[in-house]
PDB file of N, CA and C in Angstrom:
ATOM      1  N   MET A   1     -46.743  -8.277 -21.909  1.00  0.00           N
ATOM      2  CA  MET A   1     -46.041  -9.070 -20.958  1.00  0.00           C
ATOM      3  C   MET A   1     -46.702 -10.434 -20.859  1.00  0.00           C
ATOM      4  N   THR A   2     -45.865 -11.431 -20.911  1.00  0.00           N
ATOM      5  CA  THR A   2     -46.420 -12.784 -20.841  1.00  0.00           C
ATOM      6  C   THR A   2     -46.198 -13.348 -19.446  1.00  0.00           C
ATOM      7  N   THR A   3     -47.106 -14.049 -19.019  1.00  0.00           N
ATOM      8  CA  THR A   3     -46.968 -14.684 -17.707  1.00  0.00           C
ATOM      9  C   THR A   3     -46.735 -16.163 -17.914  1.00  0.00           C
ATOM     10  N   ARG A   4     -45.865 -16.640 -17.131  1.00  0.00           N
ATOM     11  CA  ARG A   4     -45.562 -18.074 -17.225  1.00  0.00           C
ATOM     12  C   ARG A   4     -46.454 -18.845 -16.276  1.00  0.00           C
ATOM     13  N   ALA A   5     -46.799 -19.941 -16.689  1.00  0.00           N
ATOM     14  CA  ALA A   5     -47.619 -20.792 -15.831  1.00  0.00           C
ATOM     15  C   ALA A   5     -46.711 -21.471 -14.825  1.00  0.00           C
ATOM     16  N   LYS A   6     -47.099 -21.406 -13.584  1.00  0.00           N
ATOM     17  CA  LYS A   6     -46.305 -22.046 -12.547  1.00  0.00           C
ATOM     18  C   LYS A   6     -46.649 -23.524 -12.525  1.00  0.00           C
ATOM     19  N   THR A   7     -45.577 -24.313 -12.443  1.00  0.00           N
ATOM     20  CA  THR A   7     -45.811 -25.756 -12.366  1.00  0.00           C
ATOM     21  C   THR A   7     -45.931 -26.145 -10.908  1.00  0.00           C
ATOM     22  N   ALA A   8     -46.851 -26.922 -10.623  1.00  0.00           N
ATOM     23  CA  ALA A   8     -47.049 -27.390  -9.259  1.00  0.00           C
ATOM     24  C   ALA A   8     -46.096 -28.553  -9.002  1.00  0.00           C
ATOM     25  N   LEU A   9     -45.399 -28.495  -7.868  1.00  0.00           N
ATOM     26  CA  LEU A   9     -44.491 -29.574  -7.507  1.00  0.00           C
ATOM     27  C   LEU A   9     -45.286 -30.635  -6.779  1.00  0.00           C
ATOM     28  N   LYS A  10     -45.161 -31.827  -7.256  1.00  0.00           N
ATOM     29  CA  LYS A  10     -45.869 -32.924  -6.625  1.00  0.00           C
ATOM     30  C   LYS A  10     -44.848 -33.903  -6.067  1.00  0.00           C
ATOM     31  N   ILE A  11     -45.023 -34.320  -4.854  1.00  0.00           N
ATOM     32  CA  ILE A  11     -44.192 -35.375  -4.273  1.00  0.00           C
ATOM     33  C   ILE A  11     -45.057 -36.614  -4.286  1.00  0.00           C
ATOM     34  N   VAL A  12     -44.600 -37.552  -5.032  1.00  0.00           N
ATOM     35  CA  VAL A  12     -45.358 -38.781  -5.199  1.00  0.00           C
ATOM     36  C   VAL A  12     -44.905 -39.751  -4.115  1.00  0.00           C
ATOM     37  N   GLN A  13     -45.844 -40.374  -3.469  1.00  0.00           N
ATOM     38  CA  GLN A  13     -45.558 -41.258  -2.336  1.00  0.00           C
ATOM     39  C   GLN A  13     -44.589 -42.379  -2.684  1.00  0.00           C
ATOM     40  N   PRO A  14     -44.707 -43.061  -3.811  1.00  0.00           N
ATOM     41  CA  PRO A  14     -43.733 -44.128  -4.112  1.00  0.00           C
ATOM     42  C   PRO A  14     -42.308 -43.597  -4.236  1.00  0.00           C
ATOM     43  N   GLU A  15     -42.146 -42.431  -4.816  1.00  0.00           N
ATOM     44  CA  GLU A  15     -40.810 -41.853  -4.948  1.00  0.00           C
ATOM     45  C   GLU A  15     -40.241 -41.488  -3.590  1.00  0.00           C
ATOM     46  N   LEU A  16     -41.067 -40.984  -2.703  1.00  0.00           N
ATOM     47  CA  LEU A  16     -40.629 -40.645  -1.347  1.00  0.00           C
ATOM     48  C   LEU A  16     -40.180 -41.903  -0.616  1.00  0.00           C
ATOM     49  N   GLU A  17     -40.929 -42.964  -0.747  1.00  0.00           N
ATOM     50  CA  GLU A  17     -40.562 -44.229  -0.096  1.00  0.00           C
ATOM     51  C   GLU A  17     -39.275 -44.802  -0.690  1.00  0.00           C
ATOM     52  N   GLN A  18     -39.113 -44.627  -2.005  1.00  0.00           N
ATOM     53  CA  GLN A  18     -37.894 -45.085  -2.657  1.00  0.00           C
ATOM     54  C   GLN A  18     -36.682 -44.312  -2.139  1.00  0.00           C
ATOM     55  N   MET A  19     -36.800 -43.007  -1.952  1.00  0.00           N
ATOM     56  CA  MET A  19     -35.712 -42.184  -1.411  1.00  0.00           C
ATOM     57  C   MET A  19     -35.373 -42.603   0.025  1.00  0.00           C
ATOM     58  N   GLU A  20     -36.406 -42.861   0.830  1.00  0.00           N
ATOM     59  CA  GLU A  20     -36.165 -43.319   2.198  1.00  0.00           C
ATOM     60  C   GLU A  20     -35.425 -44.652   2.206  1.00  0.00           C
ATOM     61  N   ALA A  21     -35.794 -45.551   1.295  1.00  0.00           N
ATOM     62  CA  ALA A  21     -35.133 -46.858   1.213  1.00  0.00           C
ATOM     63  C   ALA A  21     -33.664 -46.688   0.824  1.00  0.00           C
ATOM     64  N   ILE A  22     -33.414 -45.773  -0.103  1.00  0.00           N
ATOM     65  CA  ILE A  22     -32.037 -45.514  -0.531  1.00  0.00           C
ATOM     66  C   ILE A  22     -31.215 -44.966   0.635  1.00  0.00           C
ATOM     67  N   MET A  23     -31.790 -44.052   1.410  1.00  0.00           N
ATOM     68  CA  MET A  23     -31.078 -43.461   2.555  1.00  0.00           C
ATOM     69  C   MET A  23     -30.805 -44.518   3.623  1.00  0.00           C
ATOM     70  N   GLN A  24     -31.766 -45.389   3.883  1.00  0.00           N
ATOM     71  CA  GLN A  24     -31.563 -46.446   4.872  1.00  0.00           C
ATOM     72  C   GLN A  24     -30.498 -47.429   4.401  1.00  0.00           C
ATOM     73  N   ASP A  25     -30.502 -47.736   3.109  1.00  0.00           N
ATOM     74  CA  ASP A  25     -29.489 -48.632   2.561  1.00  0.00           C
ATOM     75  C   ASP A  25     -28.098 -48.019   2.685  1.00  0.00           C
ATOM     76  N   ALA A  26     -27.982 -46.728   2.436  1.00  0.00           N
ATOM     77  CA  ALA A  26     -26.693 -46.044   2.576  1.00  0.00           C
ATOM     78  C   ALA A  26     -26.218 -46.076   4.030  1.00  0.00           C
ATOM     79  N   ALA A  27     -27.151 -45.911   4.956  1.00  0.00           N
ATOM     80  CA  ALA A  27     -26.798 -45.968   6.377  1.00  0.00           C
ATOM     81  C   ALA A  27     -26.308 -47.361   6.755  1.00  0.00           C
ATOM     82  N   LYS A  28     -26.920 -48.398   6.189  1.00  0.00           N
ATOM     83  CA  LYS A  28     -26.488 -49.764   6.475  1.00  0.00           C
ATOM     84  C   LYS A  28     -25.085 -50.023   5.940  1.00  0.00           C
ATOM     85  N   GLN A  29     -24.753 -49.419   4.816  1.00  0.00           N
ATOM     86  CA  GLN A  29     -23.425 -49.608   4.246  1.00  0.00           C
ATOM     87  C   GLN A  29     -22.360 -48.906   5.072  1.00  0.00           C
ATOM     88  N   ALA A  30     -22.687 -47.817   5.731  1.00  0.00           N
ATOM     89  CA  ALA A  30     -21.709 -47.098   6.549  1.00  0.00           C
ATOM     90  C   ALA A  30     -21.473 -47.799   7.877  1.00  0.00           C
ATOM     91  N   ALA A  31     -22.462 -48.532   8.375  1.00  0.00           N
ATOM     92  CA  ALA A  31     -22.343 -49.192   9.682  1.00  0.00           C
ATOM     93  C   ALA A  31     -21.165 -50.172   9.731  1.00  0.00           C
ATOM     94  N   PRO A  32     -20.954 -51.044   8.735  1.00  0.00           N
ATOM     95  CA  PRO A  32     -19.793 -51.953   8.801  1.00  0.00           C
ATOM     96  C   PRO A  32     -18.463 -51.198   8.838  1.00  0.00           C
ATOM     97  N   MET A  33     -18.379 -50.065   8.142  1.00  0.00           N
ATOM     98  CA  MET A  33     -17.135 -49.295   8.167  1.00  0.00           C
ATOM     99  C   MET A  33     -16.866 -48.752   9.563  1.00  0.00           C
ATOM    100  N   VAL A  34     -17.914 -48.299  10.226  1.00  0.00           N
ATOM    101  CA  VAL A  34     -17.762 -47.786  11.584  1.00  0.00           C
ATOM    102  C   VAL A  34     -17.349 -48.919  12.515  1.00  0.00           C
ATOM    103  N   GLN A  35     -17.953 -50.091  12.342  1.00  0.00           N
ATOM    104  CA  GLN A  35     -17.585 -51.243  13.155  1.00  0.00           C
ATOM    105  C   GLN A  35     -16.150 -51.663  12.885  1.00  0.00           C
ATOM    106  N   ARG A  36     -15.730 -51.633  11.641  1.00  0.00           N
ATOM    107  CA  ARG A  36     -14.362 -51.992  11.290  1.00  0.00           C
ATOM    108  C   ARG A  36     -13.377 -51.016  11.916  1.00  0.00           C
ATOM    109  N   LEU A  37     -13.718 -49.727  11.890  1.00  0.00           N
ATOM    110  CA  LEU A  37     -12.862 -48.715  12.509  1.00  0.00           C
ATOM    111  C   LEU A  37     -12.740 -48.968  14.008  1.00  0.00           C
ATOM    112  N   ALA A  38     -13.855 -49.261  14.662  1.00  0.00           N
ATOM    113  CA  ALA A  38     -13.828 -49.547  16.101  1.00  0.00           C
ATOM    114  C   ALA A  38     -13.005 -50.800  16.383  1.00  0.00           C
ATOM    115  N   SER A  39     -13.121 -51.792  15.513  1.00  0.00           N
ATOM    116  CA  SER A  39     -12.352 -53.023  15.689  1.00  0.00           C
ATOM    117  C   SER A  39     -10.856 -52.753  15.572  1.00  0.00           C
ATOM    118  N   HIS A  40     -10.470 -51.947  14.594  1.00  0.00           N
ATOM    119  CA  HIS A  40      -9.050 -51.606  14.428  1.00  0.00           C
ATOM    120  C   HIS A  40      -8.543 -50.793  15.617  1.00  0.00           C
ATOM    121  N   ARG A  41      -9.351 -49.879  16.099  1.00  0.00           N
ATOM    122  CA  ARG A  41      -8.950 -49.101  17.280  1.00  0.00           C
ATOM    123  C   ARG A  41      -8.741 -50.003  18.481  1.00  0.00           C
ATOM    124  N   ASP A  42      -9.630 -50.969  18.653  1.00  0.00           N
ATOM    125  CA  ASP A  42      -9.477 -51.912  19.765  1.00  0.00           C
ATOM    126  C   ASP A  42      -8.187 -52.711  19.638  1.00  0.00           C
ATOM    127  N   ARG A  43      -7.888 -53.155  18.409  1.00  0.00           N
ATOM    128  CA  ARG A  43      -6.646 -53.908  18.192  1.00  0.00           C
ATOM    129  C   ARG A  43      -5.422 -53.047  18.482  1.00  0.00           C
ATOM    130  N   ILE A  44      -5.458 -51.812  18.051  1.00  0.00           N
ATOM    131  CA  ILE A  44      -4.327 -50.904  18.295  1.00  0.00           C
ATOM    132  C   ILE A  44      -4.175 -50.652  19.790  1.00  0.00           C
ATOM    133  N   ASP A  45      -5.280 -50.423  20.482  1.00  0.00           N
ATOM    134  CA  ASP A  45      -5.212 -50.216  21.932  1.00  0.00           C
ATOM    135  C   ASP A  45      -4.631 -51.439  22.626  1.00  0.00           C
ATOM    136  N   LEU A  46      -5.041 -52.625  22.197  1.00  0.00           N
ATOM    137  CA  LEU A  46      -4.519 -53.850  22.781  1.00  0.00           C
ATOM    138  C   LEU A  46      -3.024 -53.988  22.514  1.00  0.00           C
ATOM    139  N   ALA A  47      -2.593 -53.681  21.286  1.00  0.00           N
ATOM    140  CA  ALA A  47      -1.167 -53.766  20.949  1.00  0.00           C
ATOM    141  C   ALA A  47      -0.360 -52.776  21.784  1.00  0.00           C
ATOM    142  N   VAL A  48      -0.877 -51.572  21.969  1.00  0.00           N
ATOM    143  CA  VAL A  48      -0.177 -50.572  22.771  1.00  0.00           C
ATOM    144  C   VAL A  48      -0.063 -51.046  24.217  1.00  0.00           C
ATOM    145  N   LYS A  49      -1.139 -51.601  24.748  1.00  0.00           N
ATOM    146  CA  LYS A  49      -1.104 -52.101  26.131  1.00  0.00           C
ATOM    147  C   LYS A  49      -0.121 -53.250  26.271  1.00  0.00           C
ATOM    148  N   GLU A  50      -0.055 -54.133  25.282  1.00  0.00           N
ATOM    149  CA  GLU A  50       0.917 -55.229  25.318  1.00  0.00           C
ATOM    150  C   GLU A  50       2.341 -54.699  25.294  1.00  0.00           C
ATOM    151  N   LEU A  51       2.585 -53.694  24.459  1.00  0.00           N
ATOM    152  CA  LEU A  51       3.921 -53.108  24.396  1.00  0.00           C
ATOM    153  C   LEU A  51       4.282 -52.410  25.705  1.00  0.00           C
ATOM    154  N   GLU A  52       3.324 -51.708  26.307  1.00  0.00           N
ATOM    155  CA  GLU A  52       3.591 -51.061  27.589  1.00  0.00           C
ATOM    156  C   GLU A  52       3.904 -52.098  28.662  1.00  0.00           C
ATOM    157  N   SER A  53       3.181 -53.208  28.641  1.00  0.00           N
ATOM    158  CA  SER A  53       3.429 -54.277  29.603  1.00  0.00           C
ATOM    159  C   SER A  53       4.814 -54.882  29.394  1.00  0.00           C
ATOM    160  N   GLU A  54       5.176 -55.104  28.133  1.00  0.00           N
ATOM    161  CA  GLU A  54       6.497 -55.654  27.825  1.00  0.00           C
ATOM    162  C   GLU A  54       7.598 -54.688  28.249  1.00  0.00           C
ATOM    163  N   ARG A  55       7.382 -53.390  28.010  1.00  0.00           N
ATOM    164  CA  ARG A  55       8.359 -52.381  28.417  1.00  0.00           C
ATOM    165  C   ARG A  55       8.529 -52.388  29.937  1.00  0.00           C
ATOM    166  N   PHE A  56       7.419 -52.443  30.682  1.00  0.00           N
ATOM    167  CA  PHE A  56       7.481 -52.474  32.139  1.00  0.00           C
ATOM    168  C   PHE A  56       8.247 -53.701  32.611  1.00  0.00           C
ATOM    169  N   ASP A  57       7.989 -54.846  31.974  1.00  0.00           N
ATOM    170  CA  ASP A  57       8.682 -56.079  32.336  1.00  0.00           C
ATOM    171  C   ASP A  57      10.183 -55.950  32.095  1.00  0.00           C
ATOM    172  N   LEU A  58      10.556 -55.394  30.947  1.00  0.00           N
ATOM    173  CA  LEU A  58      11.983 -55.225  30.644  1.00  0.00           C
ATOM    174  C   LEU A  58      12.654 -54.251  31.601  1.00  0.00           C
ATOM    175  N   LEU A  59      11.955 -53.166  31.948  1.00  0.00           N
ATOM    176  CA  LEU A  59      12.521 -52.218  32.901  1.00  0.00           C
ATOM    177  C   LEU A  59      12.717 -52.873  34.268  1.00  0.00           C
ATOM    178  N   SER A  60      11.764 -53.683  34.679  1.00  0.00           N
ATOM    179  CA  SER A  60      11.882 -54.389  35.958  1.00  0.00           C
ATOM    180  C   SER A  60      13.060 -55.354  35.939  1.00  0.00           C
ATOM    181  N   ARG A  61      13.189 -56.097  34.842  1.00  0.00           N
ATOM    182  CA  ARG A  61      14.315 -57.039  34.726  1.00  0.00           C
ATOM    183  C   ARG A  61      15.640 -56.305  34.709  1.00  0.00           C
ATOM    184  N   ARG A  62      15.696 -55.161  34.002  1.00  0.00           N
ATOM    185  CA  ARG A  62      16.932 -54.377  33.958  1.00  0.00           C
ATOM    186  C   ARG A  62      17.314 -53.892  35.348  1.00  0.00           C
ATOM    187  N   ASP A  63      16.332 -53.395  36.098  1.00  0.00           N
ATOM    188  CA  ASP A  63      16.617 -52.909  37.450  1.00  0.00           C
ATOM    189  C   ASP A  63      17.080 -54.044  38.356  1.00  0.00           C
ATOM    190  N   LEU A  64      16.446 -55.215  38.218  1.00  0.00           N
ATOM    191  CA  LEU A  64      16.864 -56.373  39.016  1.00  0.00           C
ATOM    192  C   LEU A  64      18.290 -56.775  38.681  1.00  0.00           C
ATOM    193  N   LEU A  65      18.603 -56.845  37.387  1.00  0.00           N
ATOM    194  CA  LEU A  65      19.967 -57.203  36.973  1.00  0.00           C
ATOM    195  C   LEU A  65      20.981 -56.158  37.443  1.00  0.00           C
ATOM    196  N   ARG A  66      20.600 -54.895  37.412  1.00  0.00           N
ATOM    197  CA  ARG A  66      21.496 -53.836  37.881  1.00  0.00           C
ATOM    198  C   ARG A  66      21.781 -54.014  39.377  1.00  0.00           C
ATOM    199  N   ARG A  67      20.744 -54.296  40.171  1.00  0.00           N
ATOM    200  CA  ARG A  67      20.941 -54.500  41.611  1.00  0.00           C
ATOM    201  C   ARG A  67      21.801 -55.730  41.878  1.00  0.00           C
ATOM    202  N   GLN A  68      21.565 -56.806  41.105  1.00  0.00           N
ATOM    203  CA  GLN A  68      22.378 -58.012  41.266  1.00  0.00           C
ATOM    204  C   GLN A  68      23.834 -57.736  40.914  1.00  0.00           C
ATOM    205  N   PHE A  69      24.068 -57.018  39.828  1.00  0.00           N
ATOM    206  CA  PHE A  69      25.431 -56.676  39.431  1.00  0.00           C
ATOM    207  C   PHE A  69      26.112 -55.842  40.506  1.00  0.00           C
ATOM    208  N   GLU A  70      25.392 -54.860  41.041  1.00  0.00           N
ATOM    209  CA  GLU A  70      25.976 -54.020  42.088  1.00  0.00           C
ATOM    210  C   GLU A  70      26.306 -54.840  43.327  1.00  0.00           C
ATOM    211  N   ALA A  71      25.472 -55.815  43.659  1.00  0.00           N
ATOM    212  CA  ALA A  71      25.742 -56.679  44.813  1.00  0.00           C
ATOM    213  C   ALA A  71      26.984 -57.538  44.567  1.00  0.00           C
ATOM    214  N   VAL A  72      27.093 -58.097  43.362  1.00  0.00           N
ATOM    215  CA  VAL A  72      28.273 -58.907  43.016  1.00  0.00           C
ATOM    216  C   VAL A  72      29.528 -58.043  43.048  1.00  0.00           C
ATOM    217  N   GLU A  73      29.432 -56.851  42.466  1.00  0.00           N
ATOM    218  CA  GLU A  73      30.584 -55.951  42.445  1.00  0.00           C
ATOM    219  C   GLU A  73      31.011 -55.577  43.861  1.00  0.00           C
ATOM    220  N   GLN A  74      30.047 -55.298  44.714  1.00  0.00           N
ATOM    221  CA  GLN A  74      30.355 -54.945  46.089  1.00  0.00           C
ATOM    222  C   GLN A  74      31.015 -56.127  46.814  1.00  0.00           C
ATOM    223  N   GLY A  75      30.514 -57.335  46.574  1.00  0.00           N
ATOM    224  CA  GLY A  75      31.114 -58.528  47.189  1.00  0.00           C
ATOM    225  C   GLY A  75      32.538 -58.744  46.724  1.00  0.00           C
ATOM    226  N   LEU A  76      32.770 -58.594  45.426  1.00  0.00           N
ATOM    227  CA  LEU A  76      34.130 -58.762  44.899  1.00  0.00           C
ATOM    228  C   LEU A  76      35.069 -57.681  45.442  1.00  0.00           C
ATOM    229  N   ASN A  77      34.583 -56.459  45.524  1.00  0.00           N
ATOM    230  CA  ASN A  77      35.406 -55.380  46.088  1.00  0.00           C
ATOM    231  C   ASN A  77      35.773 -55.671  47.534  1.00  0.00           C
ATOM    232  N   MET A  78      34.842 -56.246  48.291  1.00  0.00           N
ATOM    233  CA  MET A  78      35.140 -56.596  49.681  1.00  0.00           C
ATOM    234  C   MET A  78      36.232 -57.657  49.736  1.00  0.00           C
ATOM    235  N   HIS A  79      36.185 -58.665  48.864  1.00  0.00           N
ATOM    236  CA  HIS A  79      37.223 -59.704  48.838  1.00  0.00           C
ATOM    237  C   HIS A  79      38.566 -59.118  48.440  1.00  0.00           C
ATOM    238  N   ILE A  80      38.543 -58.239  47.431  1.00  0.00           N
ATOM    239  CA  ILE A  80      39.797 -57.618  46.992  1.00  0.00           C
ATOM    240  C   ILE A  80      40.393 -56.786  48.113  1.00  0.00           C
ATOM    241  N   GLU A  81      39.588 -56.012  48.812  1.00  0.00           N
ATOM    242  CA  GLU A  81      40.077 -55.202  49.932  1.00  0.00           C
ATOM    243  C   GLU A  81      40.617 -56.095  51.044  1.00  0.00           C
ATOM    244  N   ASP A  82      39.949 -57.224  51.297  1.00  0.00           N
ATOM    245  CA  ASP A  82      40.424 -58.159  52.321  1.00  0.00           C
ATOM    246  C   ASP A  82      41.782 -58.732  51.942  1.00  0.00           C
ATOM    247  N   ILE A  83      41.921 -59.106  50.668  1.00  0.00           N
ATOM    248  CA  ILE A  83      43.215 -59.636  50.208  1.00  0.00           C
ATOM    249  C   ILE A  83      44.299 -58.578  50.329  1.00  0.00           C
ATOM    250  N   GLU A  84      44.004 -57.341  49.939  1.00  0.00           N
ATOM    251  CA  GLU A  84      44.995 -56.268  50.033  1.00  0.00           C
ATOM    252  C   GLU A  84      45.364 -55.989  51.479  1.00  0.00           C
ATOM    253  N   ALA A  85      44.386 -56.019  52.385  1.00  0.00           N
ATOM    254  CA  ALA A  85      44.681 -55.794  53.804  1.00  0.00           C
ATOM    255  C   ALA A  85      45.548 -56.923  54.349  1.00  0.00           C
ATOM    256  N   THR A  86      45.257 -58.151  53.944  1.00  0.00           N
ATOM    257  CA  THR A  86      46.062 -59.292  54.388  1.00  0.00           C
ATOM    258  C   THR A  86      47.485 -59.170  53.864  1.00  0.00           C
ATOM    259  N   MET A  87      47.620 -58.765  52.612  1.00  0.00           N
ATOM    260  CA  MET A  87      48.964 -58.590  52.040  1.00  0.00           C
ATOM    261  C   MET A  87      49.722 -57.492  52.789  1.00  0.00           C
ATOM    262  N   ARG A  88      49.028 -56.421  53.155  1.00  0.00           N
ATOM    263  CA  ARG A  88      49.700 -55.354  53.921  1.00  0.00           C
ATOM    264  C   ARG A  88      50.152 -55.858  55.289  1.00  0.00           C
ATOM    265  N   LEU A  89      49.317 -56.691  55.907  1.00  0.00           N
ATOM    266  CA  LEU A  89      49.723 -57.264  57.195  1.00  0.00           C
ATOM    267  C   LEU A  89      50.975 -58.120  57.047  1.00  0.00           C
ATOM    268  N   TYR A  90      50.973 -58.969  56.009  1.00  0.00           N
ATOM    269  CA  TYR A  90      52.140 -59.832  55.805  1.00  0.00           C
ATOM    270  C   TYR A  90      53.377 -58.998  55.497  1.00  0.00           C
ATOM    271  N   GLU A  91      53.219 -58.019  54.595  1.00  0.00           N
ATOM    272  CA  GLU A  91      54.372 -57.180  54.243  1.00  0.00           C
ATOM    273  C   GLU A  91      54.839 -56.371  55.441  1.00  0.00           C
ATOM    274  N   GLY A  92      53.892 -55.838  56.196  1.00  0.00           N
ATOM    275  CA  GLY A  92      54.261 -55.080  57.389  1.00  0.00           C
ATOM    276  C   GLY A  92      54.926 -55.966  58.428  1.00  0.00           C
ATOM    277  N   GLY A  93      54.440 -57.189  58.542  1.00  0.00           N
ATOM    278  CA  GLY A  93      55.029 -58.123  59.518  1.00  0.00           C
ATOM    279  C   GLY A  93      56.421 -58.528  59.105  1.00  0.00           C
ATOM    280  N   LEU A  94      56.646 -58.754  57.818  1.00  0.00           N
ATOM    281  CA  LEU A  94      57.970 -59.137  57.351  1.00  0.00           C
ATOM    282  C   LEU A  94      58.960 -57.990  57.509  1.00  0.00           C
ATOM    283  N   ASN A  95      58.500 -56.777  57.255  1.00  0.00           N
ATOM    284  CA  ASN A  95      59.390 -55.626  57.354  1.00  0.00           C
ATOM    285  C   ASN A  95      59.673 -55.250  58.807  1.00  0.00           C
ATOM    286  N   SER A  96      58.808 -55.659  59.714  1.00  0.00           N
ATOM    287  CA  SER A  96      59.014 -55.275  61.099  1.00  0.00           C
ATOM    288  C   SER A  96      59.913 -56.255  61.845  1.00  0.00           C
ATOM    289  N   LEU A  97      60.204 -57.407  61.216  1.00  0.00           N
ATOM    290  CA  LEU A  97      61.109 -58.359  61.862  1.00  0.00           C
ATOM    291  C   LEU A  97      62.524 -57.808  61.818  1.00  0.00           C
ATOM    292  N   PRO A  98      63.247 -58.035  62.888  1.00  0.00           N
ATOM    293  CA  PRO A  98      64.664 -57.592  62.839  1.00  0.00           C
ATOM    294  C   PRO A  98      65.452 -58.426  61.828  1.00  0.00           C
ATOM    295  N   ALA A  99      66.449 -57.835  61.299  1.00  0.00           N
ATOM    296  CA  ALA A  99      67.278 -58.530  60.312  1.00  0.00           C
ATOM    297  C   ALA A  99      67.956 -59.705  61.006  1.00  0.00           C
ATOM    298  N   GLN A 100      68.047 -60.800  60.291  1.00  0.00           N
ATOM    299  CA  GLN A 100      68.674 -61.969  60.875  1.00  0.00           C
ATOM    300  C   GLN A 100      70.171 -61.773  60.975  1.00  0.00           C
ATOM    301  N   GLN A 101      70.667 -62.116  62.135  1.00  0.00           N
ATOM    302  CA  GLN A 101      72.111 -61.970  62.324  1.00  0.00           C
ATOM    303  C   GLN A 101      72.745 -63.345  62.192  1.00  0.00           C
ATOM    304  N   GLU A 102      73.865 -63.356  61.582  1.00  0.00           N
ATOM    305  CA  GLU A 102      74.535 -64.621  61.356  1.00  0.00           C
ATOM    306  C   GLU A 102      75.617 -64.846  62.343  1.00  0.00           C
TER     307      GLU A 102
END
């Protein structure tokens, strides 16, 4: 039976420092991507808030216009009813007069 010689693993200090430098460099490269993602999220949040504000403004304007239209319609209906009542008075008054005798 042959025995194999075990090789001793050596960690050399310069190689360890080189690996640490590589890991730190990789971390620095990921940081701008994270910042870019946060920047895009902020822009999207701002756009959503602007759209919500615009929607609220449009809903408010629609409700105001609806109330104004209803007020105009109610005013016109009152005038129409007044005219119809006046016409009924005139027609009723004309019909209630006795026939003219010659």
